[in-house]
N, C-alpha and C. Protein backbone atom coordinates (compact mmCIF):
# COMPACT_ATOMS: atom_id res chain seq x y z
N MET A 1 240.31 57.30 -3.38
CA MET A 1 239.00 57.76 -3.24
C MET A 1 238.59 57.67 -1.84
N LEU A 2 237.70 58.33 -1.01
CA LEU A 2 237.12 57.87 0.22
C LEU A 2 236.01 56.96 0.15
N LYS A 3 235.87 55.88 0.52
CA LYS A 3 234.96 55.19 1.18
C LYS A 3 234.41 55.77 2.47
N ILE A 4 232.87 55.82 2.01
CA ILE A 4 232.16 56.42 3.48
C ILE A 4 231.05 55.30 3.42
N LYS A 5 230.81 54.75 4.84
CA LYS A 5 229.64 53.97 5.09
C LYS A 5 228.88 54.38 5.99
N VAL A 6 227.41 54.73 6.09
CA VAL A 6 226.62 54.82 6.80
C VAL A 6 226.12 53.59 7.52
N LEU A 7 225.98 53.42 8.89
CA LEU A 7 225.52 52.21 9.22
C LEU A 7 224.40 52.75 10.27
N GLY A 8 223.06 52.13 9.92
CA GLY A 8 222.42 51.99 10.58
C GLY A 8 220.78 51.55 9.94
N SER A 9 219.61 51.36 10.71
CA SER A 9 218.41 50.97 10.15
C SER A 9 217.81 51.83 9.09
N GLY A 10 218.30 52.78 9.08
CA GLY A 10 217.59 53.63 7.75
C GLY A 10 216.64 54.53 8.66
N CYS A 11 216.58 54.88 9.83
CA CYS A 11 216.02 55.88 11.06
C CYS A 11 216.19 57.27 10.33
N PRO A 12 215.67 57.77 10.82
CA PRO A 12 215.69 59.52 10.27
C PRO A 12 217.11 60.19 10.76
N ASN A 13 217.49 59.75 11.67
CA ASN A 13 218.84 60.07 12.33
C ASN A 13 220.22 59.57 11.73
N CYS A 14 219.77 58.23 10.71
CA CYS A 14 220.64 57.66 9.71
C CYS A 14 220.73 58.31 8.36
N GLN A 15 219.37 58.97 8.20
CA GLN A 15 219.29 59.35 6.95
C GLN A 15 219.86 60.95 6.89
N ARG A 16 219.70 61.44 7.87
CA ARG A 16 220.32 62.81 8.28
C ARG A 16 221.82 62.98 8.23
N LEU A 17 222.12 61.45 9.07
CA LEU A 17 223.92 61.30 8.73
C LEU A 17 224.38 61.63 7.53
N ALA A 18 223.36 60.95 6.43
CA ALA A 18 223.67 60.61 4.90
C ALA A 18 223.77 61.74 4.70
N GLN A 19 222.96 62.32 4.81
CA GLN A 19 222.66 63.66 4.02
C GLN A 19 223.93 64.93 4.25
N LEU A 20 224.07 65.15 5.68
CA LEU A 20 225.06 65.51 6.23
C LEU A 20 226.67 65.44 5.26
N THR A 21 226.85 63.87 5.43
CA THR A 21 227.90 63.43 5.27
C THR A 21 227.98 63.50 3.47
N GLU A 22 227.41 63.38 3.19
CA GLU A 22 227.33 63.21 1.33
C GLU A 22 227.84 64.99 1.22
N HIS A 23 226.93 66.22 1.56
CA HIS A 23 226.86 67.33 1.71
C HIS A 23 228.50 67.65 1.71
N ALA A 24 229.10 67.54 2.81
CA ALA A 24 230.47 67.60 3.56
C ALA A 24 231.35 67.53 2.34
N ALA A 25 231.00 66.22 1.91
CA ALA A 25 232.04 65.60 1.18
C ALA A 25 232.16 66.57 -0.34
N GLN A 26 231.04 66.56 -0.98
CA GLN A 26 230.57 67.64 -1.81
C GLN A 26 231.49 68.67 -2.03
N GLN A 27 231.09 69.40 -0.49
CA GLN A 27 231.73 70.46 -0.17
C GLN A 27 233.30 70.47 -0.52
N LEU A 28 233.79 69.73 -0.06
CA LEU A 28 235.23 69.23 -0.28
C LEU A 28 236.03 68.93 -1.81
N GLY A 29 234.98 68.73 -2.43
CA GLY A 29 235.57 68.40 -3.64
C GLY A 29 235.94 66.82 -3.72
N ALA A 30 235.63 66.20 -2.47
CA ALA A 30 236.12 64.70 -2.70
C ALA A 30 235.48 64.01 -3.34
N GLU A 31 236.46 62.90 -4.07
CA GLU A 31 235.75 61.83 -4.71
C GLU A 31 235.48 60.58 -3.61
N PHE A 32 234.24 60.11 -3.71
CA PHE A 32 233.64 59.39 -2.45
C PHE A 32 233.21 58.53 -3.12
N GLN A 33 232.76 57.39 -2.42
CA GLN A 33 231.79 56.15 -2.61
C GLN A 33 231.19 56.22 -1.15
N MET A 34 229.82 56.39 -1.39
CA MET A 34 228.93 56.03 -0.40
C MET A 34 228.09 54.91 -0.44
N GLU A 35 227.94 54.02 0.94
CA GLU A 35 227.38 53.25 1.17
C GLU A 35 226.27 52.90 2.35
N LYS A 36 224.91 52.69 2.60
CA LYS A 36 224.27 52.46 3.51
C LYS A 36 224.24 51.26 3.93
N VAL A 37 224.36 50.97 5.24
CA VAL A 37 224.36 49.46 5.56
C VAL A 37 223.44 49.13 6.59
N THR A 38 223.08 48.34 6.27
CA THR A 38 221.33 47.99 7.10
C THR A 38 221.45 47.11 7.79
N ASP A 39 222.72 46.09 7.55
CA ASP A 39 222.71 44.96 8.34
C ASP A 39 223.35 44.55 9.31
N HIS A 40 222.62 44.39 10.40
CA HIS A 40 223.00 44.69 11.89
C HIS A 40 223.96 43.65 12.31
N THR A 41 224.32 42.55 11.21
CA THR A 41 225.51 41.82 11.80
C THR A 41 226.52 42.59 11.14
N ARG A 42 226.94 43.18 10.33
CA ARG A 42 227.90 43.64 9.62
C ARG A 42 228.27 44.93 10.67
N PHE A 43 227.27 45.84 11.48
CA PHE A 43 227.46 46.33 12.50
C PHE A 43 228.30 46.16 13.44
N LEU A 44 228.87 44.84 13.72
CA LEU A 44 229.63 44.29 14.80
C LEU A 44 231.21 44.31 13.90
N ASP A 45 231.32 44.06 12.83
CA ASP A 45 232.44 44.00 12.31
C ASP A 45 233.31 45.52 12.27
N TYR A 46 232.55 46.84 12.93
CA TYR A 46 232.94 47.89 12.81
C TYR A 46 233.12 48.14 14.30
N GLY A 47 232.57 47.33 15.12
CA GLY A 47 232.27 47.70 16.90
C GLY A 47 231.29 48.38 17.33
N LEU A 48 230.49 48.65 16.11
CA LEU A 48 229.21 49.53 16.51
C LEU A 48 228.48 49.25 17.36
N LEU A 49 228.04 49.99 18.42
CA LEU A 49 227.17 49.44 19.76
C LEU A 49 225.86 50.12 19.45
N SER A 50 225.95 51.59 18.75
CA SER A 50 224.59 52.57 19.15
C SER A 50 224.76 53.14 17.67
N THR A 51 223.56 52.83 16.69
CA THR A 51 223.29 53.73 15.43
C THR A 51 223.14 55.32 15.74
N PRO A 52 223.16 56.21 14.95
CA PRO A 52 223.93 55.75 13.37
C PRO A 52 225.44 55.78 13.76
N GLY A 53 226.33 55.05 12.70
CA GLY A 53 227.28 54.78 12.76
C GLY A 53 227.92 55.55 11.56
N LEU A 54 228.71 56.36 11.55
CA LEU A 54 229.68 56.85 10.18
C LEU A 54 231.47 56.26 10.17
N VAL A 55 231.56 55.16 9.02
CA VAL A 55 233.02 54.50 9.03
C VAL A 55 233.19 55.53 7.95
N LEU A 56 234.44 55.93 7.73
CA LEU A 56 235.70 56.34 6.96
C LEU A 56 236.89 55.43 6.44
N ASN A 57 236.98 54.94 5.47
CA ASN A 57 237.87 54.01 4.76
C ASN A 57 237.95 52.64 5.88
N GLU A 58 236.81 52.36 6.12
CA GLU A 58 236.93 51.10 7.05
C GLU A 58 237.25 51.75 8.44
N ARG A 59 237.01 52.63 8.68
CA ARG A 59 237.27 53.05 10.43
C ARG A 59 236.31 53.86 10.99
N LEU A 60 235.57 53.08 11.94
CA LEU A 60 234.61 53.84 12.53
C LEU A 60 234.66 54.87 13.31
N VAL A 61 234.53 56.43 12.73
CA VAL A 61 234.52 57.53 13.49
C VAL A 61 233.99 58.15 14.16
N SER A 62 232.37 57.67 13.98
CA SER A 62 231.03 58.30 15.26
C SER A 62 230.21 57.36 15.29
N SER A 63 229.65 57.13 16.60
CA SER A 63 228.33 56.28 16.52
C SER A 63 227.67 56.96 17.81
N GLY A 64 226.30 56.62 17.44
CA GLY A 64 225.40 56.78 18.57
C GLY A 64 224.55 58.28 18.71
N ARG A 65 225.26 59.25 17.52
CA ARG A 65 224.69 60.19 17.46
C ARG A 65 225.14 60.75 15.90
N VAL A 66 224.06 62.11 15.70
CA VAL A 66 224.58 62.51 14.45
C VAL A 66 225.61 64.06 14.65
N PRO A 67 226.62 63.87 14.43
CA PRO A 67 227.73 64.94 14.37
C PRO A 67 227.34 66.17 13.88
N SER A 68 227.72 67.34 13.85
CA SER A 68 227.71 68.46 13.20
C SER A 68 228.18 68.66 11.88
N GLU A 69 227.95 68.88 10.71
CA GLU A 69 228.63 69.01 9.79
C GLU A 69 229.98 69.64 9.43
N ALA A 70 230.14 70.60 10.54
CA ALA A 70 231.82 70.91 10.58
C ALA A 70 232.40 69.66 11.40
N GLU A 71 231.73 68.87 12.12
CA GLU A 71 232.85 67.60 12.50
C GLU A 71 232.97 66.67 11.67
N ILE A 72 231.96 66.41 11.08
CA ILE A 72 231.55 65.67 9.64
C ILE A 72 232.94 66.14 8.75
N THR A 73 233.00 67.25 8.55
CA THR A 73 233.92 67.67 7.65
C THR A 73 235.17 67.48 8.13
N SER A 74 235.84 67.65 9.66
CA SER A 74 237.00 67.48 10.12
C SER A 74 237.12 65.86 9.82
N PHE A 75 236.21 64.92 10.13
CA PHE A 75 236.47 63.52 10.09
C PHE A 75 236.71 63.44 8.58
N LEU A 76 236.21 64.01 7.63
CA LEU A 76 236.49 63.47 5.96
C LEU A 76 237.46 64.38 5.77
N THR A 77 238.42 65.37 6.32
CA THR A 77 239.45 65.97 6.17
C THR A 77 240.61 65.19 6.57
N THR A 78 240.63 64.63 7.79
CA THR A 78 241.75 63.78 8.18
C THR A 78 241.36 62.44 7.74
N ALA A 79 240.49 61.97 7.16
CA ALA A 79 240.62 60.77 6.38
C ALA A 79 240.91 60.81 4.85
N LEU A 80 241.05 61.85 4.69
CA LEU A 80 241.75 61.90 3.13
C LEU A 80 243.24 62.24 3.27
N SER A 81 243.39 63.11 4.23
CA SER A 81 244.93 63.46 4.59
C SER A 81 245.75 62.15 4.99
N GLU A 82 244.99 60.69 5.35
CA GLU A 82 245.60 59.53 5.90
C GLU A 82 245.71 58.55 4.76
N ALA A 83 244.50 58.91 3.81
CA ALA A 83 244.46 57.92 2.58
C ALA A 83 245.69 58.35 1.66
């Protein structure tokens, strides 16, 4: 199972990242669990300096921007192959 975390305050960019990531994971048919992390102290656990952040299987793959859905799909595919 793919573990997805979206790190951020809940701002529009964070919400957009969560939506795009969930859609991409569904399109891949991946079994996943998504968590939205808003606790700023937990951001440091992943080395996140600027939101939003995307964590896949406990690894930070994107920070400070909203990647395209194609790029997110690539992140997810890589994470699934490493699992």
